[in-house]
Amino acid sequence: MACFARFVRLVIGVAGLLLLVSAASPSMAQQVNPTASSVKEQQLLQELNRVQGRVSIPDQRSGVLEQPAGREWREFRNVTLRWIGGIAILGMLAALVIFYLSRGMVRLQSGRSGRTIVRFSAFERFVHWMTATCFIILAISGLNVTFGRPLLLPLIGHEAFSEWSQWAKYVHNYLSFPFTIGVVLIFLMWIAGNIPNRADVNWIKRGGGIVGHDHPPAYRFNAGQKAVYWIVVIGGGLVAATGYALMFPFYRSGIEGMQLAQIVHSIVAVLFTAVMLAHIYIGTIGMEGAFEAMGSGTVDVNWAREHHSLWLEEENARDARPQPSVTAAE
């Protein structure tokens, strides 16, 4: 009988405890946020199709094999970039052809005088041609990354395209170093002569001697050449910095940073290439006597008078300056 009584008390105690817990549960539900630790829908969408694993190297960021931003980057690389590059480069080529057919070569109106003046030293020409040669090879090998597969592969076949692309990659990587050195030297050599001034404003207003037959005065570098200079310095600096980030991946950023570096590198590179096409045109078939400045280093005096009259005046004044006399010691 005593055991039965103890059993009844135990049942009543458990029932009372359950009743107390059920009575308190509504107030507890009001105090606790049931979604506090749940995953939001946007977060799930952002992480959709993300593939990440463990790696044995120190940089754990390289363990990300696939992430959602990669799809956007692939769309840019395979579609958007090809449109940007095609419009910029083909558009520039078309504009130059139309301009040449309508304007022709800018001739020396006064003819050649037969007298020349030094425009660029041997060192300046060496730096220019080293940088220019590297740039041309870098541009061709770089464009192969974007346009090689759809344009070149069907023409030469898989085996030849694979061999060409491998060597283009090696050349692109190694020639980046002398190109970068050349950009730095160009910046240091010509910075003093490429600061904008009032003569540049007048040069632009008068068409720079390219539009029409006017010859506005200019110092050693006119406004157009100064624009090319800053494009080389800034554009070359950007493609060099982003290119090295791609050559040595994951040292400064993760995969998202690498994608951003590739986007900046490719856009700046194709626009850089388009501008250099115009520079090459003016320096060769676009203007009579212009190539001689970087060819032999000298230009005809009449060419200097028509295109850089202020610089010619400075050079003549320097030559006319009396030299200090040297008295022999007795």
C-alpha atoms as a PDB file:
ATOM      1  CA  MET A   1       0.000   0.000   0.000  1.00  0.00           C
ATOM      2  CA  ALA A   2       2.897   2.330   0.784  1.00  0.00           C
ATOM      3  CA  CYS A   3       4.512   1.585  -2.545  1.00  0.00           C
ATOM      4  CA  PHE A   4       1.285   2.407  -4.367  1.00  0.00           C
ATOM      5  CA  ALA A   5       1.052   5.722  -2.551  1.00  0.00           C
ATOM      6  CA  ARG A   6       4.598   6.641  -3.540  1.00  0.00           C
ATOM      7  CA  PHE A   7       3.822   5.774  -7.154  1.00  0.00           C
ATOM      8  CA  VAL A   8       0.719   8.010  -7.149  1.00  0.00           C
ATOM      9  CA  ARG A   9       2.714  10.911  -5.733  1.00  0.00           C
ATOM     10  CA  LEU A  10       5.376  10.457  -8.421  1.00  0.00           C
ATOM     11  CA  VAL A  11       2.761  10.516 -11.212  1.00  0.00           C
ATOM     12  CA  ILE A  12       1.134  13.627  -9.768  1.00  0.00           C
ATOM     13  CA  GLY A  13       4.540  15.371  -9.490  1.00  0.00           C
ATOM     14  CA  VAL A  14       5.466  14.601 -13.104  1.00  0.00           C
ATOM     15  CA  ALA A  15       2.066  15.768 -14.312  1.00  0.00           C
ATOM     16  CA  GLY A  16       2.425  19.009 -12.403  1.00  0.00           C
ATOM     17  CA  LEU A  17       5.890  19.582 -13.849  1.00  0.00           C
ATOM     18  CA  LEU A  18       4.618  19.037 -17.388  1.00  0.00           C
ATOM     19  CA  LEU A  19       1.726  21.416 -16.746  1.00  0.00           C
ATOM     20  CA  LEU A  20       4.128  24.078 -15.478  1.00  0.00           C
ATOM     21  CA  VAL A  21       6.394  23.762 -18.537  1.00  0.00           C
ATOM     22  CA  SER A  22       3.475  23.940 -20.966  1.00  0.00           C
ATOM     23  CA  ALA A  23       2.139  27.040 -19.246  1.00  0.00           C
ATOM     24  CA  ALA A  24       5.492  28.824 -19.462  1.00  0.00           C
ATOM     25  CA  SER A  25       6.286  27.923 -23.122  1.00  0.00           C
ATOM     26  CA  PRO A  26       4.188  30.709 -24.782  1.00  0.00           C
ATOM     27  CA  SER A  27       6.075  33.435 -22.940  1.00  0.00           C
ATOM     28  CA  MET A  28       9.387  31.829 -23.867  1.00  0.00           C
ATOM     29  CA  ALA A  29       8.373  31.685 -27.530  1.00  0.00           C
ATOM     30  CA  GLN A  30       7.747  35.407 -27.501  1.00  0.00           C
ATOM     31  CA  GLN A  31      11.273  36.141 -26.182  1.00  0.00           C
ATOM     32  CA  VAL A  32      13.237  33.914 -28.610  1.00  0.00           C
ATOM     33  CA  ASN A  33      13.678  34.830 -32.336  1.00  0.00           C
ATOM     34  CA  PRO A  34      13.196  31.523 -34.185  1.00  0.00           C
ATOM     35  CA  THR A  35      15.007  32.882 -37.317  1.00  0.00           C
ATOM     36  CA  ALA A  36      17.971  34.434 -35.509  1.00  0.00           C
ATOM     37  CA  SER A  37      20.407  31.726 -36.630  1.00  0.00           C
ATOM     38  CA  SER A  38      18.692  30.700 -39.844  1.00  0.00           C
ATOM     39  CA  VAL A  39      20.191  31.306 -43.318  1.00  0.00           C
ATOM     40  CA  LYS A  40      18.614  34.137 -45.261  1.00  0.00           C
ATOM     41  CA  GLU A  41      17.358  33.530 -48.816  1.00  0.00           C
ATOM     42  CA  GLN A  42      19.718  36.142 -50.314  1.00  0.00           C
ATOM     43  CA  GLN A  43      22.683  34.496 -48.627  1.00  0.00           C
ATOM     44  CA  LEU A  44      21.651  31.155 -50.086  1.00  0.00           C
ATOM     45  CA  LEU A  45      21.438  32.698 -53.566  1.00  0.00           C
ATOM     46  CA  GLN A  46      24.845  34.323 -53.190  1.00  0.00           C
ATOM     47  CA  GLU A  47      26.429  31.019 -52.185  1.00  0.00           C
ATOM     48  CA  LEU A  48      24.623  28.975 -54.814  1.00  0.00           C
ATOM     49  CA  ASN A  49      26.921  26.622 -56.751  1.00  0.00           C
ATOM     50  CA  ARG A  50      29.924  27.542 -54.587  1.00  0.00           C
ATOM     51  CA  VAL A  51      32.578  24.828 -54.528  1.00  0.00           C
ATOM     52  CA  GLN A  52      35.200  25.158 -51.792  1.00  0.00           C
ATOM     53  CA  GLY A  53      37.551  22.618 -50.298  1.00  0.00           C
ATOM     54  CA  ARG A  54      40.693  22.244 -48.222  1.00  0.00           C
ATOM     55  CA  VAL A  55      44.191  22.926 -49.591  1.00  0.00           C
ATOM     56  CA  SER A  56      47.617  22.055 -48.259  1.00  0.00           C
ATOM     57  CA  ILE A  57      49.289  25.367 -49.109  1.00  0.00           C
ATOM     58  CA  PRO A  58      49.321  28.237 -46.576  1.00  0.00           C
ATOM     59  CA  ASP A  59      46.867  30.424 -48.491  1.00  0.00           C
ATOM     60  CA  GLN A  60      43.481  28.895 -47.740  1.00  0.00           C
ATOM     61  CA  ARG A  61      41.765  31.327 -50.142  1.00  0.00           C
ATOM     62  CA  SER A  62      42.971  29.245 -53.062  1.00  0.00           C
ATOM     63  CA  GLY A  63      40.643  26.481 -51.921  1.00  0.00           C
ATOM     64  CA  VAL A  64      37.711  28.198 -53.620  1.00  0.00           C
ATOM     65  CA  LEU A  65      37.240  26.349 -56.906  1.00  0.00           C
ATOM     66  CA  GLU A  66      33.935  27.877 -57.971  1.00  0.00           C
ATOM     67  CA  GLN A  67      31.936  30.798 -56.654  1.00  0.00           C
ATOM     68  CA  PRO A  68      28.898  32.728 -57.935  1.00  0.00           C
ATOM     69  CA  ALA A  69      30.859  35.820 -59.105  1.00  0.00           C
ATOM     70  CA  GLY A  70      32.775  33.530 -61.440  1.00  0.00           C
ATOM     71  CA  ARG A  71      29.740  33.211 -63.690  1.00  0.00           C
ATOM     72  CA  GLU A  72      29.592  36.989 -64.110  1.00  0.00           C
ATOM     73  CA  TRP A  73      33.327  37.095 -64.773  1.00  0.00           C
ATOM     74  CA  ARG A  74      33.023  34.338 -67.396  1.00  0.00           C
ATOM     75  CA  GLU A  75      30.227  36.253 -69.122  1.00  0.00           C
ATOM     76  CA  PHE A  76      32.409  39.364 -69.178  1.00  0.00           C
ATOM     77  CA  ARG A  77      35.445  37.519 -70.510  1.00  0.00           C
ATOM     78  CA  ASN A  78      33.650  35.561 -73.226  1.00  0.00           C
ATOM     79  CA  VAL A  79      31.104  38.166 -74.354  1.00  0.00           C
ATOM     80  CA  THR A  80      31.466  41.712 -72.992  1.00  0.00           C
ATOM     81  CA  LEU A  81      35.239  41.978 -73.380  1.00  0.00           C
ATOM     82  CA  ARG A  82      35.104  40.789 -76.985  1.00  0.00           C
ATOM     83  CA  TRP A  83      32.566  43.487 -77.796  1.00  0.00           C
ATOM     84  CA  ILE A  84      34.625  46.187 -76.058  1.00  0.00           C
ATOM     85  CA  GLY A  85      37.855  45.107 -77.745  1.00  0.00           C
ATOM     86  CA  GLY A  86      36.280  44.626 -81.150  1.00  0.00           C
ATOM     87  CA  ILE A  87      34.560  48.012 -81.156  1.00  0.00           C
ATOM     88  CA  ALA A  88      37.634  49.850 -79.821  1.00  0.00           C
ATOM     89  CA  ILE A  89      40.260  48.309 -82.102  1.00  0.00           C
ATOM     90  CA  LEU A  90      38.229  47.828 -85.281  1.00  0.00           C
ATOM     91  CA  GLY A  91      36.575  51.194 -84.758  1.00  0.00           C
ATOM     92  CA  MET A  92      39.945  52.910 -84.468  1.00  0.00           C
ATOM     93  CA  LEU A  93      41.256  51.151 -87.581  1.00  0.00           C
ATOM     94  CA  ALA A  94      38.164  52.166 -89.533  1.00  0.00           C
ATOM     95  CA  ALA A  95      38.455  55.778 -88.353  1.00  0.00           C
ATOM     96  CA  LEU A  96      42.129  55.919 -89.368  1.00  0.00           C
ATOM     97  CA  VAL A  97      41.418  54.505 -92.825  1.00  0.00           C
ATOM     98  CA  ILE A  98      38.610  57.021 -93.392  1.00  0.00           C
ATOM     99  CA  PHE A  99      40.786  59.868 -92.121  1.00  0.00           C
ATOM    100  CA  TYR A 100      43.693  58.888 -94.365  1.00  0.00           C
ATOM    101  CA  LEU A 101      41.478  58.593 -97.426  1.00  0.00           C
ATOM    102  CA  SER A 102      39.920  62.000 -96.765  1.00  0.00           C
ATOM    103  CA  ARG A 103      42.925  63.920 -95.370  1.00  0.00           C
ATOM    104  CA  GLY A 104      45.941  62.023 -96.614  1.00  0.00           C
ATOM    105  CA  MET A 105      49.401  62.494 -95.208  1.00  0.00           C
ATOM    106  CA  VAL A 106      50.071  65.825 -93.503  1.00  0.00           C
ATOM    107  CA  ARG A 107      52.742  67.258 -95.798  1.00  0.00           C
ATOM    108  CA  LEU A 108      55.390  69.859 -95.104  1.00  0.00           C
ATOM    109  CA  GLN A 109      53.945  73.010 -96.642  1.00  0.00           C
ATOM    110  CA  SER A 110      57.316  74.731 -96.923  1.00  0.00           C
ATOM    111  CA  GLY A 111      59.179  71.643 -98.112  1.00  0.00           C
ATOM    112  CA  ARG A 112      62.428  70.394 -96.674  1.00  0.00           C
ATOM    113  CA  SER A 113      65.156  72.858 -95.818  1.00  0.00           C
ATOM    114  CA  GLY A 114      68.028  70.377 -95.938  1.00  0.00           C
ATOM    115  CA  ARG A 115      69.027  71.339 -92.394  1.00  0.00           C
ATOM    116  CA  THR A 116      68.253  69.117 -89.419  1.00  0.00           C
ATOM    117  CA  ILE A 117      68.008  69.525 -85.672  1.00  0.00           C
ATOM    118  CA  VAL A 118      68.400  66.870 -82.965  1.00  0.00           C
ATOM    119  CA  ARG A 119      65.042  65.975 -81.456  1.00  0.00           C
ATOM    120  CA  PHE A 120      65.711  62.805 -79.446  1.00  0.00           C
ATOM    121  CA  SER A 121      68.942  61.394 -78.071  1.00  0.00           C
ATOM    122  CA  ALA A 122      70.119  57.824 -78.663  1.00  0.00           C
ATOM    123  CA  PHE A 123      69.084  56.812 -75.146  1.00  0.00           C
ATOM    124  CA  GLU A 124      65.604  58.275 -75.575  1.00  0.00           C
ATOM    125  CA  ARG A 125      65.146  56.416 -78.844  1.00  0.00           C
ATOM    126  CA  PHE A 126      66.401  53.167 -77.303  1.00  0.00           C
ATOM    127  CA  VAL A 127      63.883  53.401 -74.453  1.00  0.00           C
ATOM    128  CA  HIS A 128      61.085  54.279 -76.885  1.00  0.00           C
ATOM    129  CA  TRP A 129      61.772  51.384 -79.239  1.00  0.00           C
ATOM    130  CA  MET A 130      62.311  48.888 -76.421  1.00  0.00           C
ATOM    131  CA  THR A 131      58.958  49.828 -74.895  1.00  0.00           C
ATOM    132  CA  ALA A 132      57.215  49.970 -78.277  1.00  0.00           C
ATOM    133  CA  THR A 133      58.539  46.552 -79.363  1.00  0.00           C
ATOM    134  CA  CYS A 134      57.507  44.953 -76.084  1.00  0.00           C
ATOM    135  CA  PHE A 135      54.100  46.604 -76.313  1.00  0.00           C
ATOM    136  CA  ILE A 136      53.406  45.291 -79.826  1.00  0.00           C
ATOM    137  CA  ILE A 137      54.317  41.732 -78.840  1.00  0.00           C
ATOM    138  CA  LEU A 138      52.369  41.999 -75.584  1.00  0.00           C
ATOM    139  CA  ALA A 139      49.331  43.323 -77.460  1.00  0.00           C
ATOM    140  CA  ILE A 140      49.373  40.495 -80.019  1.00  0.00           C
ATOM    141  CA  SER A 141      49.912  37.763 -77.432  1.00  0.00           C
ATOM    142  CA  GLY A 142      47.335  39.316 -75.103  1.00  0.00           C
ATOM    143  CA  LEU A 143      44.681  39.635 -77.803  1.00  0.00           C
ATOM    144  CA  ASN A 144      45.186  35.928 -78.466  1.00  0.00           C
ATOM    145  CA  VAL A 145      43.719  35.198 -75.027  1.00  0.00           C
ATOM    146  CA  THR A 146      40.482  36.963 -75.918  1.00  0.00           C
ATOM    147  CA  PHE A 147      40.154  36.496 -79.663  1.00  0.00           C
ATOM    148  CA  GLY A 148      42.444  33.550 -80.431  1.00  0.00           C
ATOM    149  CA  ARG A 149      39.967  30.759 -79.834  1.00  0.00           C
ATOM    150  CA  PRO A 150      37.073  32.109 -81.938  1.00  0.00           C
ATOM    151  CA  LEU A 151      39.220  33.623 -84.708  1.00  0.00           C
ATOM    152  CA  LEU A 152      42.568  31.827 -84.939  1.00  0.00           C
ATOM    153  CA  LEU A 153      41.728  28.288 -83.833  1.00  0.00           C
ATOM    154  CA  PRO A 154      39.432  27.518 -86.791  1.00  0.00           C
ATOM    155  CA  LEU A 155      42.139  28.699 -89.221  1.00  0.00           C
ATOM    156  CA  ILE A 156      45.225  26.845 -87.952  1.00  0.00           C
ATOM    157  CA  GLY A 157      43.780  23.915 -86.030  1.00  0.00           C
ATOM    158  CA  HIS A 158      44.028  22.738 -82.435  1.00  0.00           C
ATOM    159  CA  GLU A 159      47.644  21.546 -82.412  1.00  0.00           C
ATOM    160  CA  ALA A 160      49.134  24.684 -83.976  1.00  0.00           C
ATOM    161  CA  PHE A 161      46.904  26.933 -81.867  1.00  0.00           C
ATOM    162  CA  SER A 162      47.977  25.137 -78.687  1.00  0.00           C
ATOM    163  CA  GLU A 163      51.663  25.523 -79.561  1.00  0.00           C
ATOM    164  CA  TRP A 164      51.249  29.196 -80.486  1.00  0.00           C
ATOM    165  CA  SER A 165      49.261  29.965 -77.331  1.00  0.00           C
ATOM    166  CA  GLN A 166      51.867  28.338 -75.107  1.00  0.00           C
ATOM    167  CA  TRP A 167      54.713  30.393 -76.560  1.00  0.00           C
ATOM    168  CA  ALA A 168      52.539  33.524 -76.575  1.00  0.00           C
ATOM    169  CA  LYS A 169      51.959  33.046 -72.851  1.00  0.00           C
ATOM    170  CA  TYR A 170      55.706  32.720 -72.154  1.00  0.00           C
ATOM    171  CA  VAL A 171      56.504  35.796 -74.246  1.00  0.00           C
ATOM    172  CA  HIS A 172      53.687  37.779 -72.637  1.00  0.00           C
ATOM    173  CA  ASN A 173      54.941  37.011 -69.145  1.00  0.00           C
ATOM    174  CA  TYR A 174      58.649  37.664 -69.684  1.00  0.00           C
ATOM    175  CA  LEU A 175      58.394  40.758 -71.882  1.00  0.00           C
ATOM    176  CA  SER A 176      56.246  42.418 -69.247  1.00  0.00           C
ATOM    177  CA  PHE A 177      59.404  43.195 -67.266  1.00  0.00           C
ATOM    178  CA  PRO A 178      61.273  45.270 -69.914  1.00  0.00           C
ATOM    179  CA  PHE A 179      57.959  46.907 -70.834  1.00  0.00           C
ATOM    180  CA  THR A 180      57.461  48.015 -67.237  1.00  0.00           C
ATOM    181  CA  ILE A 181      61.020  49.320 -67.068  1.00  0.00           C
ATOM    182  CA  GLY A 182      60.413  51.246 -70.288  1.00  0.00           C
ATOM    183  CA  VAL A 183      57.228  52.847 -68.936  1.00  0.00           C
ATOM    184  CA  VAL A 184      59.073  53.961 -65.801  1.00  0.00           C
ATOM    185  CA  LEU A 185      61.950  55.425 -67.850  1.00  0.00           C
ATOM    186  CA  ILE A 186      59.531  57.216 -70.191  1.00  0.00           C
ATOM    187  CA  PHE A 187      57.810  58.742 -67.183  1.00  0.00           C
ATOM    188  CA  LEU A 188      61.110  59.976 -65.744  1.00  0.00           C
ATOM    189  CA  MET A 189      62.639  61.149 -69.053  1.00  0.00           C
ATOM    190  CA  TRP A 190      59.777  63.231 -70.360  1.00  0.00           C
ATOM    191  CA  ILE A 191      57.739  64.317 -67.350  1.00  0.00           C
ATOM    192  CA  ALA A 192      59.150  67.861 -67.465  1.00  0.00           C
ATOM    193  CA  GLY A 193      58.005  68.410 -71.054  1.00  0.00           C
ATOM    194  CA  ASN A 194      54.552  66.890 -70.638  1.00  0.00           C
ATOM    195  CA  ILE A 195      52.980  69.189 -68.068  1.00  0.00           C
ATOM    196  CA  PRO A 196      49.921  70.849 -69.695  1.00  0.00           C
ATOM    197  CA  ASN A 197      50.139  74.599 -70.351  1.00  0.00           C
ATOM    198  CA  ARG A 198      48.274  77.370 -72.186  1.00  0.00           C
ATOM    199  CA  ALA A 199      49.884  76.529 -75.507  1.00  0.00           C
ATOM    200  CA  ASP A 200      48.154  73.151 -75.366  1.00  0.00           C
ATOM    201  CA  VAL A 201      44.734  74.791 -75.070  1.00  0.00           C
ATOM    202  CA  ASN A 202      45.444  76.903 -78.152  1.00  0.00           C
ATOM    203  CA  TRP A 203      46.793  73.834 -79.985  1.00  0.00           C
ATOM    204  CA  ILE A 204      43.565  71.925 -79.342  1.00  0.00           C
ATOM    205  CA  LYS A 205      41.367  74.862 -80.376  1.00  0.00           C
ATOM    206  CA  ARG A 206      43.181  75.102 -83.698  1.00  0.00           C
ATOM    207  CA  GLY A 207      42.937  71.389 -84.495  1.00  0.00           C
ATOM    208  CA  GLY A 208      46.560  70.549 -83.817  1.00  0.00           C
ATOM    209  CA  GLY A 209      47.571  70.791 -87.453  1.00  0.00           C
ATOM    210  CA  ILE A 210      45.771  67.521 -88.171  1.00  0.00           C
ATOM    211  CA  VAL A 211      42.389  69.065 -88.957  1.00  0.00           C
ATOM    212  CA  GLY A 212      42.818  71.626 -91.718  1.00  0.00           C
ATOM    213  CA  HIS A 213      46.172  73.100 -92.655  1.00  0.00           C
ATOM    214  CA  ASP A 214      46.881  75.191 -89.594  1.00  0.00           C
ATOM    215  CA  HIS A 215      50.129  74.881 -87.648  1.00  0.00           C
ATOM    216  CA  PRO A 216      49.567  76.013 -84.054  1.00  0.00           C
ATOM    217  CA  PRO A 217      52.737  76.673 -82.041  1.00  0.00           C
ATOM    218  CA  ALA A 218      53.877  74.000 -79.608  1.00  0.00           C
ATOM    219  CA  TYR A 219      56.800  73.261 -77.371  1.00  0.00           C
ATOM    220  CA  ARG A 220      58.766  69.997 -77.558  1.00  0.00           C
ATOM    221  CA  PHE A 221      55.573  68.001 -76.986  1.00  0.00           C
ATOM    222  CA  ASN A 222      52.195  69.221 -78.192  1.00  0.00           C
ATOM    223  CA  ALA A 223      48.851  68.485 -76.522  1.00  0.00           C
ATOM    224  CA  GLY A 224      48.308  65.315 -78.551  1.00  0.00           C
ATOM    225  CA  GLN A 225      51.713  63.922 -77.654  1.00  0.00           C
ATOM    226  CA  LYS A 226      51.145  64.816 -74.026  1.00  0.00           C
ATOM    227  CA  ALA A 227      47.876  62.887 -74.079  1.00  0.00           C
ATOM    228  CA  VAL A 228      49.699  59.855 -75.480  1.00  0.00           C
ATOM    229  CA  TYR A 229      52.405  60.255 -72.833  1.00  0.00           C
ATOM    230  CA  TRP A 230      49.926  60.161 -69.945  1.00  0.00           C
ATOM    231  CA  ILE A 231      48.018  57.283 -71.521  1.00  0.00           C
ATOM    232  CA  VAL A 232      51.291  55.337 -71.721  1.00  0.00           C
ATOM    233  CA  VAL A 233      52.250  56.163 -68.152  1.00  0.00           C
ATOM    234  CA  ILE A 234      48.849  55.599 -66.526  1.00  0.00           C
ATOM    235  CA  GLY A 235      47.649  52.832 -68.828  1.00  0.00           C
ATOM    236  CA  GLY A 236      51.018  51.088 -68.787  1.00  0.00           C
ATOM    237  CA  GLY A 237      51.131  51.323 -65.020  1.00  0.00           C
ATOM    238  CA  LEU A 238      47.667  49.787 -64.677  1.00  0.00           C
ATOM    239  CA  VAL A 239      48.300  46.879 -67.042  1.00  0.00           C
ATOM    240  CA  ALA A 240      51.644  46.212 -65.354  1.00  0.00           C
ATOM    241  CA  ALA A 241      50.217  46.240 -61.820  1.00  0.00           C
ATOM    242  CA  THR A 242      47.207  44.082 -62.667  1.00  0.00           C
ATOM    243  CA  GLY A 243      49.320  41.824 -64.869  1.00  0.00           C
ATOM    244  CA  TYR A 244      51.727  41.042 -62.045  1.00  0.00           C
ATOM    245  CA  ALA A 245      48.759  40.348 -59.760  1.00  0.00           C
ATOM    246  CA  LEU A 246      47.648  37.734 -62.306  1.00  0.00           C
ATOM    247  CA  MET A 247      51.166  36.322 -62.754  1.00  0.00           C
ATOM    248  CA  PHE A 248      51.585  35.808 -59.004  1.00  0.00           C
ATOM    249  CA  PRO A 249      48.078  34.846 -57.869  1.00  0.00           C
ATOM    250  CA  PHE A 250      46.682  34.855 -54.321  1.00  0.00           C
ATOM    251  CA  TYR A 251      49.525  36.870 -52.788  1.00  0.00           C
ATOM    252  CA  ARG A 252      47.425  39.977 -52.236  1.00  0.00           C
ATOM    253  CA  SER A 253      43.825  38.851 -52.766  1.00  0.00           C
ATOM    254  CA  GLY A 254      41.493  35.906 -53.208  1.00  0.00           C
ATOM    255  CA  ILE A 255      39.776  34.661 -56.329  1.00  0.00           C
ATOM    256  CA  GLU A 256      37.422  37.661 -56.386  1.00  0.00           C
ATOM    257  CA  GLY A 257      40.398  40.041 -56.442  1.00  0.00           C
ATOM    258  CA  MET A 258      41.968  38.034 -59.249  1.00  0.00           C
ATOM    259  CA  GLN A 259      38.804  38.400 -61.311  1.00  0.00           C
ATOM    260  CA  LEU A 260      38.767  42.161 -60.736  1.00  0.00           C
ATOM    261  CA  ALA A 261      42.444  42.394 -61.744  1.00  0.00           C
ATOM    262  CA  GLN A 262      41.716  40.507 -64.972  1.00  0.00           C
ATOM    263  CA  ILE A 263      38.783  42.789 -65.808  1.00  0.00           C
ATOM    264  CA  VAL A 264      40.839  45.958 -65.281  1.00  0.00           C
ATOM    265  CA  HIS A 265      43.844  44.489 -67.099  1.00  0.00           C
ATOM    266  CA  SER A 266      41.867  43.469 -70.175  1.00  0.00           C
ATOM    267  CA  ILE A 267      39.781  46.648 -70.533  1.00  0.00           C
ATOM    268  CA  VAL A 268      42.767  48.971 -70.134  1.00  0.00           C
ATOM    269  CA  ALA A 269      44.830  46.804 -72.502  1.00  0.00           C
ATOM    270  CA  VAL A 270      42.362  46.860 -75.409  1.00  0.00           C
ATOM    271  CA  LEU A 271      41.756  50.616 -75.049  1.00  0.00           C
ATOM    272  CA  PHE A 272      45.521  51.146 -74.761  1.00  0.00           C
ATOM    273  CA  THR A 273      46.010  49.186 -77.985  1.00  0.00           C
ATOM    274  CA  ALA A 274      43.400  51.268 -79.819  1.00  0.00           C
ATOM    275  CA  VAL A 275      45.094  54.542 -78.799  1.00  0.00           C
ATOM    276  CA  MET A 276      48.519  53.253 -79.827  1.00  0.00           C
ATOM    277  CA  LEU A 277      47.181  52.468 -83.298  1.00  0.00           C
ATOM    278  CA  ALA A 278      46.468  56.173 -83.736  1.00  0.00           C
ATOM    279  CA  HIS A 279      49.925  57.024 -82.378  1.00  0.00           C
ATOM    280  CA  ILE A 280      51.577  54.625 -84.828  1.00  0.00           C
ATOM    281  CA  TYR A 281      49.535  56.051 -87.697  1.00  0.00           C
ATOM    282  CA  ILE A 282      50.590  59.653 -87.039  1.00  0.00           C
ATOM    283  CA  GLY A 283      54.211  58.649 -86.546  1.00  0.00           C
ATOM    284  CA  THR A 284      54.416  56.771 -89.852  1.00  0.00           C
ATOM    285  CA  ILE A 285      52.081  57.454 -92.783  1.00  0.00           C
ATOM    286  CA  GLY A 286      50.019  60.157 -91.092  1.00  0.00           C
ATOM    287  CA  MET A 287      52.608  62.949 -91.007  1.00  0.00           C
ATOM    288  CA  GLU A 288      55.559  63.602 -93.267  1.00  0.00           C
ATOM    289  CA  GLY A 289      58.874  63.677 -91.404  1.00  0.00           C
ATOM    290  CA  ALA A 290      57.455  62.470 -88.073  1.00  0.00           C
ATOM    291  CA  PHE A 291      59.094  59.028 -88.192  1.00  0.00           C
ATOM    292  CA  GLU A 292      62.557  60.562 -88.531  1.00  0.00           C
ATOM    293  CA  ALA A 293      62.297  61.917 -84.973  1.00  0.00           C
ATOM    294  CA  MET A 294      62.447  58.386 -83.557  1.00  0.00           C
ATOM    295  CA  GLY A 295      64.278  56.912 -86.540  1.00  0.00           C
ATOM    296  CA  SER A 296      67.456  58.936 -86.865  1.00  0.00           C
ATOM    297  CA  GLY A 297      66.769  61.216 -83.903  1.00  0.00           C
ATOM    298  CA  THR A 298      66.827  64.368 -86.078  1.00  0.00           C
ATOM    299  CA  VAL A 299      64.095  66.275 -87.891  1.00  0.00           C
ATOM    300  CA  ASP A 300      64.117  68.817 -90.676  1.00  0.00           C
ATOM    301  CA  VAL A 301      64.163  72.401 -89.459  1.00  0.00           C
ATOM    302  CA  ASN A 302      61.051  73.236 -91.494  1.00  0.00           C
ATOM    303  CA  TRP A 303      59.232  70.305 -89.841  1.00  0.00           C
ATOM    304  CA  ALA A 304      60.196  71.642 -86.430  1.00  0.00           C
ATOM    305  CA  ARG A 305      59.090  75.156 -87.419  1.00  0.00           C
ATOM    306  CA  GLU A 306      55.683  73.986 -88.630  1.00  0.00           C
ATOM    307  CA  HIS A 307      54.852  71.545 -85.808  1.00  0.00           C
ATOM    308  CA  HIS A 308      56.929  72.650 -82.804  1.00  0.00           C
ATOM    309  CA  SER A 309      57.828  76.288 -83.397  1.00  0.00           C
ATOM    310  CA  LEU A 310      58.122  77.201 -79.701  1.00  0.00           C
ATOM    311  CA  TRP A 311      60.534  74.326 -79.135  1.00  0.00           C
ATOM    312  CA  LEU A 312      62.591  75.382 -82.167  1.00  0.00           C
ATOM    313  CA  GLU A 313      62.830  78.923 -80.763  1.00  0.00           C
ATOM    314  CA  GLU A 314      64.091  77.538 -77.461  1.00  0.00           C
ATOM    315  CA  GLU A 315      66.702  75.410 -79.227  1.00  0.00           C
ATOM    316  CA  ASN A 316      67.888  78.341 -81.372  1.00  0.00           C
ATOM    317  CA  ALA A 317      68.116  80.583 -78.326  1.00  0.00           C
ATOM    318  CA  ARG A 318      70.161  77.934 -76.531  1.00  0.00           C
ATOM    319  CA  ASP A 319      72.535  77.606 -79.487  1.00  0.00           C
ATOM    320  CA  ALA A 320      72.893  81.387 -79.757  1.00  0.00           C
ATOM    321  CA  ARG A 321      73.762  81.737 -76.115  1.00  0.00           C
ATOM    322  CA  PRO A 322      77.403  82.833 -75.779  1.00  0.00           C
ATOM    323  CA  GLN A 323      79.703  80.172 -74.478  1.00  0.00           C
ATOM    324  CA  PRO A 324      82.039  80.990 -71.589  1.00  0.00           C
ATOM    325  CA  SER A 325      85.560  81.666 -72.774  1.00  0.00           C
ATOM    326  CA  VAL A 326      88.433  79.590 -71.474  1.00  0.00           C
ATOM    327  CA  THR A 327      91.677  81.380 -70.751  1.00  0.00           C
ATOM    328  CA  ALA A 328      94.762  79.290 -70.938  1.00  0.00           C
ATOM    329  CA  ALA A 329      96.865  79.325 -67.784  1.00  0.00           C
ATOM    330  CA  GLU A 330     100.100  81.199 -68.169  1.00  0.00           C
END
